[in-house]
Amino acid sequence: MELGSRKCPTGIKKLEVGKGVQITDKPGMLATRISNVQAHLARLKGLVESDTIVMSGPTLEAHTKAGEGPIMNGSVWLVRANSEEEVRAVVADDIYAKIGVWDLDGIAITPMKCAVRKPL
């Protein structure tokens, strides 16, 4: 099976091109993030069901230690989209973007291929 000029190993379907998205939170927004997480997750559920979002999760300030909860400081997504503009539109419609949790000026959108994925 051809993938550009490289061959895929037997049994692997053609890899889709997606967009890796990393968005950091603005300083001091952890409490706002936490108090709006249910609205954020409800919207993401629909985006996952529609195959727009392949993967999503918070980034953490540090590795957690026994007995401590995670301190979230941003988000990472893998989005199926044809352009950076489409990704920015999806991001802009999220509650975290609307209420100022995310630093949208620092968003990183990177084309990538998802070869393998499995839930944690």
PDB file of N, CA and C in Angstrom:
ATOM      1  N   MET A   1       0.848  -1.171   0.000  1.00  0.00           N
ATOM      2  CA  MET A   1       0.000   0.000   0.000  1.00  0.00           C
ATOM      3  C   MET A   1       0.895   1.236   0.000  1.00  0.00           C
ATOM      4  N   GLU A   2       0.676   2.154  -0.911  1.00  0.00           N
ATOM      5  CA  GLU A   2       1.508   3.349  -1.025  1.00  0.00           C
ATOM      6  C   GLU A   2       1.036   4.461  -0.088  1.00  0.00           C
ATOM      7  N   LEU A   3       1.965   5.179   0.481  1.00  0.00           N
ATOM      8  CA  LEU A   3       1.699   6.376   1.265  1.00  0.00           C
ATOM      9  C   LEU A   3       2.742   7.384   0.831  1.00  0.00           C
ATOM     10  N   GLY A   4       2.367   8.232  -0.119  1.00  0.00           N
ATOM     11  CA  GLY A   4       3.361   9.105  -0.711  1.00  0.00           C
ATOM     12  C   GLY A   4       4.372   8.244  -1.424  1.00  0.00           C
ATOM     13  N   SER A   5       5.657   8.417  -1.117  1.00  0.00           N
ATOM     14  CA  SER A   5       6.687   7.590  -1.732  1.00  0.00           C
ATOM     15  C   SER A   5       7.104   6.430  -0.812  1.00  0.00           C
ATOM     16  N   ARG A   6       6.453   6.287   0.344  1.00  0.00           N
ATOM     17  CA  ARG A   6       6.794   5.226   1.284  1.00  0.00           C
ATOM     18  C   ARG A   6       5.678   4.199   1.338  1.00  0.00           C
ATOM     19  N   LYS A   7       6.029   2.972   1.573  1.00  0.00           N
ATOM     20  CA  LYS A   7       5.035   1.911   1.677  1.00  0.00           C
ATOM     21  C   LYS A   7       4.639   1.707   3.128  1.00  0.00           C
ATOM     22  N   CYS A   8       3.342   1.442   3.337  1.00  0.00           N
ATOM     23  CA  CYS A   8       2.849   1.106   4.666  1.00  0.00           C
ATOM     24  C   CYS A   8       3.049  -0.379   4.899  1.00  0.00           C
ATOM     25  N   PRO A   9       3.323  -0.781   6.122  1.00  0.00           N
ATOM     26  CA  PRO A   9       3.398  -2.209   6.419  1.00  0.00           C
ATOM     27  C   PRO A   9       2.070  -2.891   6.097  1.00  0.00           C
ATOM     28  N   THR A  10       2.119  -4.157   5.807  1.00  0.00           N
ATOM     29  CA  THR A  10       0.926  -4.929   5.487  1.00  0.00           C
ATOM     30  C   THR A  10      -0.112  -4.784   6.591  1.00  0.00           C
ATOM     31  N   GLY A  11      -1.365  -4.572   6.203  1.00  0.00           N
ATOM     32  CA  GLY A  11      -2.459  -4.518   7.158  1.00  0.00           C
ATOM     33  C   GLY A  11      -2.730  -3.137   7.726  1.00  0.00           C
ATOM     34  N   ILE A  12      -1.895  -2.159   7.459  1.00  0.00           N
ATOM     35  CA  ILE A  12      -2.139  -0.809   7.970  1.00  0.00           C
ATOM     36  C   ILE A  12      -2.824  -0.004   6.877  1.00  0.00           C
ATOM     37  N   LYS A  13      -3.960   0.571   7.230  1.00  0.00           N
ATOM     38  CA  LYS A  13      -4.686   1.399   6.274  1.00  0.00           C
ATOM     39  C   LYS A  13      -3.921   2.691   6.017  1.00  0.00           C
ATOM     40  N   LYS A  14      -4.267   3.361   4.937  1.00  0.00           N
ATOM     41  CA  LYS A  14      -3.652   4.654   4.630  1.00  0.00           C
ATOM     42  C   LYS A  14      -3.852   5.597   5.821  1.00  0.00           C
ATOM     43  N   LEU A  15      -2.792   6.252   6.228  1.00  0.00           N
ATOM     44  CA  LEU A  15      -2.844   7.132   7.383  1.00  0.00           C
ATOM     45  C   LEU A  15      -3.548   8.436   7.033  1.00  0.00           C
ATOM     46  N   GLU A  16      -4.433   8.872   7.924  1.00  0.00           N
ATOM     47  CA  GLU A  16      -5.122  10.137   7.720  1.00  0.00           C
ATOM     48  C   GLU A  16      -4.265  11.286   8.237  1.00  0.00           C
ATOM     49  N   VAL A  17      -4.337  12.413   7.558  1.00  0.00           N
ATOM     50  CA  VAL A  17      -3.651  13.608   8.037  1.00  0.00           C
ATOM     51  C   VAL A  17      -4.622  14.370   8.929  1.00  0.00           C
ATOM     52  N   GLY A  18      -4.186  14.680  10.122  1.00  0.00           N
ATOM     53  CA  GLY A  18      -4.987  15.454  11.055  1.00  0.00           C
ATOM     54  C   GLY A  18      -4.198  16.660  11.499  1.00  0.00           C
ATOM     55  N   LYS A  19      -4.693  17.304  12.506  1.00  0.00           N
ATOM     56  CA  LYS A  19      -4.016  18.470  13.070  1.00  0.00           C
ATOM     57  C   LYS A  19      -3.838  18.232  14.565  1.00  0.00           C
ATOM     58  N   GLY A  20      -2.589  18.246  15.006  1.00  0.00           N
ATOM     59  CA  GLY A  20      -2.303  18.216  16.430  1.00  0.00           C
ATOM     60  C   GLY A  20      -2.444  19.632  16.966  1.00  0.00           C
ATOM     61  N   VAL A  21      -3.166  19.781  18.052  1.00  0.00           N
ATOM     62  CA  VAL A  21      -3.452  21.106  18.607  1.00  0.00           C
ATOM     63  C   VAL A  21      -3.000  21.133  20.064  1.00  0.00           C
ATOM     64  N   GLN A  22      -2.213  22.136  20.418  1.00  0.00           N
ATOM     65  CA  GLN A  22      -1.835  22.334  21.812  1.00  0.00           C
ATOM     66  C   GLN A  22      -2.155  23.770  22.194  1.00  0.00           C
ATOM     67  N   ILE A  23      -2.907  23.895  23.278  1.00  0.00           N
ATOM     68  CA  ILE A  23      -3.345  25.208  23.750  1.00  0.00           C
ATOM     69  C   ILE A  23      -3.022  25.299  25.239  1.00  0.00           C
ATOM     70  N   THR A  24      -2.278  26.305  25.638  1.00  0.00           N
ATOM     71  CA  THR A  24      -2.004  26.489  27.066  1.00  0.00           C
ATOM     72  C   THR A  24      -3.088  27.359  27.688  1.00  0.00           C
ATOM     73  N   ASP A  25      -3.292  27.164  28.976  1.00  0.00           N
ATOM     74  CA  ASP A  25      -4.221  28.000  29.722  1.00  0.00           C
ATOM     75  C   ASP A  25      -3.541  29.314  30.074  1.00  0.00           C
ATOM     76  N   LYS A  26      -4.333  30.350  30.193  1.00  0.00           N
ATOM     77  CA  LYS A  26      -3.816  31.610  30.714  1.00  0.00           C
ATOM     78  C   LYS A  26      -3.525  31.426  32.198  1.00  0.00           C
ATOM     79  N   PRO A  27      -2.573  32.160  32.737  1.00  0.00           N
ATOM     80  CA  PRO A  27      -2.260  32.041  34.169  1.00  0.00           C
ATOM     81  C   PRO A  27      -3.490  32.326  35.038  1.00  0.00           C
ATOM     82  N   GLY A  28      -3.618  31.565  36.114  1.00  0.00           N
ATOM     83  CA  GLY A  28      -4.687  31.799  37.082  1.00  0.00           C
ATOM     84  C   GLY A  28      -6.064  31.310  36.667  1.00  0.00           C
ATOM     85  N   MET A  29      -6.151  30.451  35.646  1.00  0.00           N
ATOM     86  CA  MET A  29      -7.455  30.025  35.127  1.00  0.00           C
ATOM     87  C   MET A  29      -7.875  28.621  35.560  1.00  0.00           C
ATOM     88  N   LEU A  30      -7.132  27.987  36.470  1.00  0.00           N
ATOM     89  CA  LEU A  30      -7.449  26.615  36.850  1.00  0.00           C
ATOM     90  C   LEU A  30      -8.855  26.499  37.448  1.00  0.00           C
ATOM     91  N   ALA A  31      -9.223  27.377  38.360  1.00  0.00           N
ATOM     92  CA  ALA A  31     -10.550  27.300  38.988  1.00  0.00           C
ATOM     93  C   ALA A  31     -11.658  27.503  37.942  1.00  0.00           C
ATOM     94  N   THR A  32     -11.447  28.415  37.008  1.00  0.00           N
ATOM     95  CA  THR A  32     -12.426  28.648  35.941  1.00  0.00           C
ATOM     96  C   THR A  32     -12.518  27.426  35.041  1.00  0.00           C
ATOM     97  N   ARG A  33     -11.391  26.842  34.721  1.00  0.00           N
ATOM     98  CA  ARG A  33     -11.371  25.614  33.909  1.00  0.00           C
ATOM     99  C   ARG A  33     -12.189  24.525  34.585  1.00  0.00           C
ATOM    100  N   ILE A  34     -11.904  24.276  35.854  1.00  0.00           N
ATOM    101  CA  ILE A  34     -12.571  23.195  36.584  1.00  0.00           C
ATOM    102  C   ILE A  34     -14.070  23.442  36.696  1.00  0.00           C
ATOM    103  N   SER A  35     -14.472  24.675  36.941  1.00  0.00           N
ATOM    104  CA  SER A  35     -15.900  24.954  37.112  1.00  0.00           C
ATOM    105  C   SER A  35     -16.677  24.879  35.795  1.00  0.00           C
ATOM    106  N   ASN A  36     -15.996  24.823  34.674  1.00  0.00           N
ATOM    107  CA  ASN A  36     -16.661  24.737  33.367  1.00  0.00           C
ATOM    108  C   ASN A  36     -16.355  23.447  32.620  1.00  0.00           C
ATOM    109  N   VAL A  37     -15.749  22.482  33.296  1.00  0.00           N
ATOM    110  CA  VAL A  37     -15.319  21.256  32.627  1.00  0.00           C
ATOM    111  C   VAL A  37     -16.496  20.454  32.073  1.00  0.00           C
ATOM    112  N   GLN A  38     -17.642  20.448  32.737  1.00  0.00           N
ATOM    113  CA  GLN A  38     -18.767  19.650  32.246  1.00  0.00           C
ATOM    114  C   GLN A  38     -19.276  20.171  30.903  1.00  0.00           C
ATOM    115  N   ALA A  39     -19.356  21.480  30.740  1.00  0.00           N
ATOM    116  CA  ALA A  39     -19.769  22.053  29.449  1.00  0.00           C
ATOM    117  C   ALA A  39     -18.736  21.757  28.370  1.00  0.00           C
ATOM    118  N   HIS A  40     -17.473  21.852  28.730  1.00  0.00           N
ATOM    119  CA  HIS A  40     -16.376  21.550  27.804  1.00  0.00           C
ATOM    120  C   HIS A  40     -16.459  20.091  27.339  1.00  0.00           C
ATOM    121  N   LEU A  41     -16.606  19.160  28.286  1.00  0.00           N
ATOM    122  CA  LEU A  41     -16.655  17.738  27.948  1.00  0.00           C
ATOM    123  C   LEU A  41     -17.908  17.364  27.165  1.00  0.00           C
ATOM    124  N   ALA A  42     -19.023  18.003  27.465  1.00  0.00           N
ATOM    125  CA  ALA A  42     -20.269  17.723  26.731  1.00  0.00           C
ATOM    126  C   ALA A  42     -20.100  18.077  25.259  1.00  0.00           C
ATOM    127  N   ARG A  43     -19.454  19.186  24.979  1.00  0.00           N
ATOM    128  CA  ARG A  43     -19.222  19.572  23.585  1.00  0.00           C
ATOM    129  C   ARG A  43     -18.227  18.620  22.926  1.00  0.00           C
ATOM    130  N   LEU A  44     -17.169  18.268  23.635  1.00  0.00           N
ATOM    131  CA  LEU A  44     -16.183  17.349  23.070  1.00  0.00           C
ATOM    132  C   LEU A  44     -16.800  16.001  22.727  1.00  0.00           C
ATOM    133  N   LYS A  45     -17.740  15.539  23.548  1.00  0.00           N
ATOM    134  CA  LYS A  45     -18.390  14.258  23.280  1.00  0.00           C
ATOM    135  C   LYS A  45     -19.029  14.262  21.891  1.00  0.00           C
ATOM    136  N   GLY A  46     -19.715  15.333  21.548  1.00  0.00           N
ATOM    137  CA  GLY A  46     -20.314  15.446  20.213  1.00  0.00           C
ATOM    138  C   GLY A  46     -19.275  15.490  19.110  1.00  0.00           C
ATOM    139  N   LEU A  47     -18.158  16.153  19.362  1.00  0.00           N
ATOM    140  CA  LEU A  47     -17.089  16.236  18.364  1.00  0.00           C
ATOM    141  C   LEU A  47     -16.402  14.890  18.168  1.00  0.00           C
ATOM    142  N   VAL A  48     -16.302  14.104  19.227  1.00  0.00           N
ATOM    143  CA  VAL A  48     -15.742  12.755  19.110  1.00  0.00           C
ATOM    144  C   VAL A  48     -16.719  11.865  18.342  1.00  0.00           C
ATOM    145  N   GLU A  49     -18.006  11.947  18.680  1.00  0.00           N
ATOM    146  CA  GLU A  49     -19.017  11.134  18.002  1.00  0.00           C
ATOM    147  C   GLU A  49     -19.105  11.451  16.514  1.00  0.00           C
ATOM    148  N   SER A  50     -18.833  12.699  16.135  1.00  0.00           N
ATOM    149  CA  SER A  50     -18.867  13.095  14.718  1.00  0.00           C
ATOM    150  C   SER A  50     -17.530  12.864  14.019  1.00  0.00           C
ATOM    151  N   ASP A  51     -16.553  12.288  14.731  1.00  0.00           N
ATOM    152  CA  ASP A  51     -15.213  12.008  14.209  1.00  0.00           C
ATOM    153  C   ASP A  51     -14.418  13.262  13.880  1.00  0.00           C
ATOM    154  N   THR A  52     -14.767  14.387  14.491  1.00  0.00           N
ATOM    155  CA  THR A  52     -13.968  15.604  14.329  1.00  0.00           C
ATOM    156  C   THR A  52     -12.758  15.556  15.249  1.00  0.00           C
ATOM    157  N   ILE A  53     -12.975  15.149  16.488  1.00  0.00           N
ATOM    158  CA  ILE A  53     -11.903  15.008  17.467  1.00  0.00           C
ATOM    159  C   ILE A  53     -11.552  13.529  17.591  1.00  0.00           C
ATOM    160  N   VAL A  54     -10.283  13.205  17.412  1.00  0.00           N
ATOM    161  CA  VAL A  54      -9.810  11.829  17.533  1.00  0.00           C
ATOM    162  C   VAL A  54      -9.319  11.570  18.957  1.00  0.00           C
ATOM    163  N   MET A  55      -8.679  12.569  19.561  1.00  0.00           N
ATOM    164  CA  MET A  55      -8.094  12.452  20.878  1.00  0.00           C
ATOM    165  C   MET A  55      -8.115  13.808  21.542  1.00  0.00           C
ATOM    166  N   SER A  56      -8.347  13.827  22.839  1.00  0.00           N
ATOM    167  CA  SER A  56      -8.355  15.081  23.577  1.00  0.00           C
ATOM    168  C   SER A  56      -7.989  14.813  25.028  1.00  0.00           C
ATOM    169  N   GLY A  57      -7.302  15.753  25.637  1.00  0.00           N
ATOM    170  CA  GLY A  57      -6.993  15.633  27.056  1.00  0.00           C
ATOM    171  C   GLY A  57      -6.248  16.847  27.556  1.00  0.00           C
ATOM    172  N   PRO A  58      -6.236  17.028  28.870  1.00  0.00           N
ATOM    173  CA  PRO A  58      -5.514  18.164  29.437  1.00  0.00           C
ATOM    174  C   PRO A  58      -4.019  17.894  29.524  1.00  0.00           C
ATOM    175  N   THR A  59      -3.246  18.951  29.399  1.00  0.00           N
ATOM    176  CA  THR A  59      -1.826  18.862  29.735  1.00  0.00           C
ATOM    177  C   THR A  59      -1.704  19.178  31.225  1.00  0.00           C
ATOM    178  N   LEU A  60      -0.649  18.659  31.824  1.00  0.00           N
ATOM    179  CA  LEU A  60      -0.474  18.804  33.267  1.00  0.00           C
ATOM    180  C   LEU A  60       0.790  19.592  33.581  1.00  0.00           C
ATOM    181  N   GLU A  61       0.723  20.338  34.663  1.00  0.00           N
ATOM    182  CA  GLU A  61       1.865  21.146  35.098  1.00  0.00           C
ATOM    183  C   GLU A  61       3.067  20.269  35.445  1.00  0.00           C
ATOM    184  N   ALA A  62       2.797  19.093  36.014  1.00  0.00           N
ATOM    185  CA  ALA A  62       3.866  18.177  36.417  1.00  0.00           C
ATOM    186  C   ALA A  62       3.272  16.783  36.568  1.00  0.00           C
ATOM    187  N   HIS A  63       4.142  15.803  36.659  1.00  0.00           N
ATOM    188  CA  HIS A  63       3.677  14.448  36.968  1.00  0.00           C
ATOM    189  C   HIS A  63       3.058  14.471  38.361  1.00  0.00           C
ATOM    190  N   THR A  64       1.939  13.767  38.514  1.00  0.00           N
ATOM    191  CA  THR A  64       1.281  13.758  39.816  1.00  0.00           C
ATOM    192  C   THR A  64       1.967  12.769  40.753  1.00  0.00           C
ATOM    193  N   LYS A  65       1.924  13.103  42.022  1.00  0.00           N
ATOM    194  CA  LYS A  65       2.481  12.238  43.060  1.00  0.00           C
ATOM    195  C   LYS A  65       1.322  11.564  43.786  1.00  0.00           C
ATOM    196  N   ALA A  66       1.611  10.477  44.460  1.00  0.00           N
ATOM    197  CA  ALA A  66       0.582   9.744  45.198  1.00  0.00           C
ATOM    198  C   ALA A  66      -0.161  10.687  46.139  1.00  0.00           C
ATOM    199  N   GLY A  67      -1.482  10.631  46.075  1.00  0.00           N
ATOM    200  CA  GLY A  67      -2.310  11.455  46.949  1.00  0.00           C
ATOM    201  C   GLY A  67      -2.571  12.859  46.443  1.00  0.00           C
ATOM    202  N   GLU A  68      -1.977  13.237  45.330  1.00  0.00           N
ATOM    203  CA  GLU A  68      -2.187  14.573  44.766  1.00  0.00           C
ATOM    204  C   GLU A  68      -3.018  14.484  43.498  1.00  0.00           C
ATOM    205  N   GLY A  69      -3.822  15.487  43.267  1.00  0.00           N
ATOM    206  CA  GLY A  69      -4.567  15.563  42.022  1.00  0.00           C
ATOM    207  C   GLY A  69      -3.747  16.276  40.966  1.00  0.00           C
ATOM    208  N   PRO A  70      -4.092  16.071  39.709  1.00  0.00           N
ATOM    209  CA  PRO A  70      -3.351  16.742  38.636  1.00  0.00           C
ATOM    210  C   PRO A  70      -3.655  18.239  38.598  1.00  0.00           C
ATOM    211  N   ILE A  71      -2.668  19.017  38.222  1.00  0.00           N
ATOM    212  CA  ILE A  71      -2.863  20.454  38.003  1.00  0.00           C
ATOM    213  C   ILE A  71      -2.812  20.672  36.498  1.00  0.00           C
ATOM    214  N   MET A  72      -3.981  20.929  35.921  1.00  0.00           N
ATOM    215  CA  MET A  72      -4.099  21.097  34.472  1.00  0.00           C
ATOM    216  C   MET A  72      -3.629  22.488  34.062  1.00  0.00           C
ATOM    217  N   ASN A  73      -2.966  22.552  32.896  1.00  0.00           N
ATOM    218  CA  ASN A  73      -2.477  23.857  32.428  1.00  0.00           C
ATOM    219  C   ASN A  73      -2.652  24.057  30.926  1.00  0.00           C
ATOM    220  N   GLY A  74      -3.477  23.237  30.305  1.00  0.00           N
ATOM    221  CA  GLY A  74      -3.719  23.381  28.876  1.00  0.00           C
ATOM    222  C   GLY A  74      -4.440  22.176  28.326  1.00  0.00           C
ATOM    223  N   SER A  75      -4.508  22.107  27.003  1.00  0.00           N
ATOM    224  CA  SER A  75      -5.219  21.024  26.328  1.00  0.00           C
ATOM    225  C   SER A  75      -4.465  20.593  25.083  1.00  0.00           C
ATOM    226  N   VAL A  76      -4.631  19.307  24.751  1.00  0.00           N
ATOM    227  CA  VAL A  76      -4.079  18.743  23.524  1.00  0.00           C
ATOM    228  C   VAL A  76      -5.199  18.010  22.813  1.00  0.00           C
ATOM    229  N   TRP A  77      -5.323  18.244  21.514  1.00  0.00           N
ATOM    230  CA  TRP A  77      -6.337  17.579  20.692  1.00  0.00           C
ATOM    231  C   TRP A  77      -5.676  17.019  19.444  1.00  0.00           C
ATOM    232  N   LEU A  78      -6.274  15.989  18.889  1.00  0.00           N
ATOM    233  CA  LEU A  78      -5.991  15.557  17.531  1.00  0.00           C
ATOM    234  C   LEU A  78      -7.295  15.719  16.773  1.00  0.00           C
ATOM    235  N   VAL A  79      -7.285  16.594  15.769  1.00  0.00           N
ATOM    236  CA  VAL A  79      -8.499  17.011  15.064  1.00  0.00           C
ATOM    237  C   VAL A  79      -8.434  16.581  13.608  1.00  0.00           C
ATOM    238  N   ARG A  80      -9.541  16.055  13.110  1.00  0.00           N
ATOM    239  CA  ARG A  80      -9.668  15.810  11.667  1.00  0.00           C
ATOM    240  C   ARG A  80     -10.179  17.109  11.058  1.00  0.00           C
ATOM    241  N   ALA A  81      -9.353  17.734  10.245  1.00  0.00           N
ATOM    242  CA  ALA A  81      -9.722  19.000   9.619  1.00  0.00           C
ATOM    243  C   ALA A  81      -8.904  19.183   8.356  1.00  0.00           C
ATOM    244  N   ASN A  82      -9.457  19.926   7.407  1.00  0.00           N
ATOM    245  CA  ASN A  82      -8.770  20.172   6.146  1.00  0.00           C
ATOM    246  C   ASN A  82      -7.842  21.375   6.192  1.00  0.00           C
ATOM    247  N   SER A  83      -8.006  22.222   7.204  1.00  0.00           N
ATOM    248  CA  SER A  83      -7.197  23.443   7.242  1.00  0.00           C
ATOM    249  C   SER A  83      -7.032  23.926   8.675  1.00  0.00           C
ATOM    250  N   GLU A  84      -6.055  24.779   8.855  1.00  0.00           N
ATOM    251  CA  GLU A  84      -5.848  25.415  10.154  1.00  0.00           C
ATOM    252  C   GLU A  84      -7.052  26.286  10.519  1.00  0.00           C
ATOM    253  N   GLU A  85      -7.671  26.897   9.529  1.00  0.00           N
ATOM    254  CA  GLU A  85      -8.841  27.738   9.779  1.00  0.00           C
ATOM    255  C   GLU A  85      -9.988  26.919  10.366  1.00  0.00           C
ATOM    256  N   GLU A  86     -10.181  25.697   9.852  1.00  0.00           N
ATOM    257  CA  GLU A  86     -11.226  24.819  10.397  1.00  0.00           C
ATOM    258  C   GLU A  86     -10.929  24.493  11.859  1.00  0.00           C
ATOM    259  N   VAL A  87      -9.671  24.214  12.159  1.00  0.00           N
ATOM    260  CA  VAL A  87      -9.287  23.907  13.538  1.00  0.00           C
ATOM    261  C   VAL A  87      -9.564  25.104  14.431  1.00  0.00           C
ATOM    262  N   ARG A  88      -9.151  26.278  13.991  1.00  0.00           N
ATOM    263  CA  ARG A  88      -9.363  27.488  14.799  1.00  0.00           C
ATOM    264  C   ARG A  88     -10.846  27.735  15.057  1.00  0.00           C
ATOM    265  N   ALA A  89     -11.704  27.413  14.094  1.00  0.00           N
ATOM    266  CA  ALA A  89     -13.152  27.579  14.276  1.00  0.00           C
ATOM    267  C   ALA A  89     -13.681  26.602  15.327  1.00  0.00           C
ATOM    268  N   VAL A  90     -13.194  25.365  15.295  1.00  0.00           N
ATOM    269  CA  VAL A  90     -13.606  24.372  16.296  1.00  0.00           C
ATOM    270  C   VAL A  90     -13.155  24.819  17.683  1.00  0.00           C
ATOM    271  N   VAL A  91     -11.924  25.274  17.790  1.00  0.00           N
ATOM    272  CA  VAL A  91     -11.388  25.733  19.070  1.00  0.00           C
ATOM    273  C   VAL A  91     -12.164  26.947  19.576  1.00  0.00           C
ATOM    274  N   ALA A  92     -12.425  27.901  18.714  1.00  0.00           N
ATOM    275  CA  ALA A  92     -13.092  29.144  19.116  1.00  0.00           C
ATOM    276  C   ALA A  92     -14.498  28.908  19.651  1.00  0.00           C
ATOM    277  N   ASP A  93     -15.127  27.804  19.264  1.00  0.00           N
ATOM    278  CA  ASP A  93     -16.491  27.512  19.700  1.00  0.00           C
ATOM    279  C   ASP A  93     -16.523  26.774  21.042  1.00  0.00           C
ATOM    280  N   ASP A  94     -15.376  26.484  21.628  1.00  0.00           N
ATOM    281  CA  ASP A  94     -15.318  25.790  22.907  1.00  0.00           C
ATOM    282  C   ASP A  94     -15.511  26.769  24.064  1.00  0.00           C
ATOM    283  N   ILE A  95     -16.136  26.302  25.130  1.00  0.00           N
ATOM    284  CA  ILE A  95     -16.380  27.148  26.299  1.00  0.00           C
ATOM    285  C   ILE A  95     -15.082  27.729  26.862  1.00  0.00           C
ATOM    286  N   TYR A  96     -13.993  26.950  26.838  1.00  0.00           N
ATOM    287  CA  TYR A  96     -12.730  27.462  27.371  1.00  0.00           C
ATOM    288  C   TYR A  96     -12.205  28.635  26.551  1.00  0.00           C
ATOM    289  N   ALA A  97     -12.439  28.633  25.263  1.00  0.00           N
ATOM    290  CA  ALA A  97     -12.042  29.772  24.423  1.00  0.00           C
ATOM    291  C   ALA A  97     -12.957  30.965  24.696  1.00  0.00           C
ATOM    292  N   LYS A  98     -14.249  30.705  24.803  1.00  0.00           N
ATOM    293  CA  LYS A  98     -15.233  31.784  24.971  1.00  0.00           C
ATOM    294  C   LYS A  98     -15.089  32.531  26.288  1.00  0.00           C
ATOM    295  N   ILE A  99     -14.686  31.820  27.350  1.00  0.00           N
ATOM    296  CA  ILE A  99     -14.591  32.477  28.661  1.00  0.00           C
ATOM    297  C   ILE A  99     -13.156  32.852  29.043  1.00  0.00           C
ATOM    298  N   GLY A 100     -12.219  32.663  28.112  1.00  0.00           N
ATOM    299  CA  GLY A 100     -10.857  33.145  28.323  1.00  0.00           C
ATOM    300  C   GLY A 100      -9.925  32.235  29.093  1.00  0.00           C
ATOM    301  N   VAL A 101     -10.246  30.931  29.204  1.00  0.00           N
ATOM    302  CA  VAL A 101      -9.323  30.005  29.876  1.00  0.00           C
ATOM    303  C   VAL A 101      -8.065  29.819  29.030  1.00  0.00           C
ATOM    304  N   TRP A 102      -8.243  29.616  27.739  1.00  0.00           N
ATOM    305  CA  TRP A 102      -7.113  29.323  26.856  1.00  0.00           C
ATOM    306  C   TRP A 102      -6.420  30.575  26.348  1.00  0.00           C
ATOM    307  N   ASP A 103      -5.118  30.484  26.160  1.00  0.00           N
ATOM    308  CA  ASP A 103      -4.316  31.525  25.531  1.00  0.00           C
ATOM    309  C   ASP A 103      -4.323  31.268  24.025  1.00  0.00           C
ATOM    310  N   LEU A 104      -5.310  31.812  23.333  1.00  0.00           N
ATOM    311  CA  LEU A 104      -5.476  31.538  21.904  1.00  0.00           C
ATOM    312  C   LEU A 104      -4.372  32.151  21.051  1.00  0.00           C
ATOM    313  N   ASP A 105      -3.668  33.152  21.571  1.00  0.00           N
ATOM    314  CA  ASP A 105      -2.552  33.729  20.819  1.00  0.00           C
ATOM    315  C   ASP A 105      -1.378  32.761  20.731  1.00  0.00           C
ATOM    316  N   GLY A 106      -1.312  31.809  21.664  1.00  0.00           N
ATOM    317  CA  GLY A 106      -0.199  30.872  21.693  1.00  0.00           C
ATOM    318  C   GLY A 106      -0.541  29.479  21.188  1.00  0.00           C
ATOM    319  N   ILE A 107      -1.690  29.322  20.538  1.00  0.00           N
ATOM    320  CA  ILE A 107      -2.108  28.004  20.063  1.00  0.00           C
ATOM    321  C   ILE A 107      -1.112  27.456  19.036  1.00  0.00           C
ATOM    322  N   ALA A 108      -0.798  26.173  19.150  1.00  0.00           N
ATOM    323  CA  ALA A 108       0.079  25.499  18.181  1.00  0.00           C
ATOM    324  C   ALA A 108      -0.758  24.469  17.427  1.00  0.00           C
ATOM    325  N   ILE A 109      -0.770  24.582  16.102  1.00  0.00           N
ATOM    326  CA  ILE A 109      -1.504  23.652  15.248  1.00  0.00           C
ATOM    327  C   ILE A 109      -0.491  23.036  14.290  1.00  0.00           C
ATOM    328  N   THR A 110      -0.343  21.717  14.374  1.00  0.00           N
ATOM    329  CA  THR A 110       0.679  21.018  13.612  1.00  0.00           C
ATOM    330  C   THR A 110       0.067  19.889  12.804  1.00  0.00           C
ATOM    331  N   PRO A 111       0.288  19.854  11.475  1.00  0.00           N
ATOM    332  CA  PRO A 111      -0.189  18.709  10.694  1.00  0.00           C
ATOM    333  C   PRO A 111       0.496  17.441  11.188  1.00  0.00           C
ATOM    334  N   MET A 112      -0.271  16.377  11.309  1.00  0.00           N
ATOM    335  CA  MET A 112       0.310  15.111  11.759  1.00  0.00           C
ATOM    336  C   MET A 112      -0.523  13.949  11.257  1.00  0.00           C
ATOM    337  N   LYS A 113       0.077  12.773  11.304  1.00  0.00           N
ATOM    338  CA  LYS A 113      -0.625  11.547  10.941  1.00  0.00           C
ATOM    339  C   LYS A 113      -0.734  10.677  12.177  1.00  0.00           C
ATOM    340  N   CYS A 114      -1.893  10.135  12.381  1.00  0.00           N
ATOM    341  CA  CYS A 114      -2.122   9.241  13.508  1.00  0.00           C
ATOM    342  C   CYS A 114      -2.012   7.810  12.997  1.00  0.00           C
ATOM    343  N   ALA A 115      -0.900   7.152  13.300  1.00  0.00           N
ATOM    344  CA  ALA A 115      -0.679   5.795  12.836  1.00  0.00           C
ATOM    345  C   ALA A 115      -1.342   4.764  13.754  1.00  0.00           C
ATOM    346  N   VAL A 116      -1.289   5.018  15.055  1.00  0.00           N
ATOM    347  CA  VAL A 116      -1.823   4.085  16.022  1.00  0.00           C
ATOM    348  C   VAL A 116      -2.470   4.885  17.142  1.00  0.00           C
ATOM    349  N   ARG A 117      -3.595   4.401  17.641  1.00  0.00           N
ATOM    350  CA  ARG A 117      -4.184   5.010  18.812  1.00  0.00           C
ATOM    351  C   ARG A 117      -4.957   3.937  19.569  1.00  0.00           C
ATOM    352  N   LYS A 118      -4.950   4.077  20.871  1.00  0.00           N
ATOM    353  CA  LYS A 118      -5.654   3.146  21.735  1.00  0.00           C
ATOM    354  C   LYS A 118      -5.991   3.911  23.005  1.00  0.00           C
ATOM    355  N   PRO A 119      -7.199   3.756  23.540  1.00  0.00           N
ATOM    356  CA  PRO A 119      -7.532   4.455  24.782  1.00  0.00           C
ATOM    357  C   PRO A 119      -6.598   4.064  25.918  1.00  0.00           C
ATOM    358  N   LEU A 120      -6.324   5.026  26.803  1.00  0.00           N
ATOM    359  CA  LEU A 120      -5.504   4.739  27.979  1.00  0.00           C
ATOM    360  C   LEU A 120      -6.315   3.963  28.990  1.00  0.00           C
TER     361      LEU A 120
END
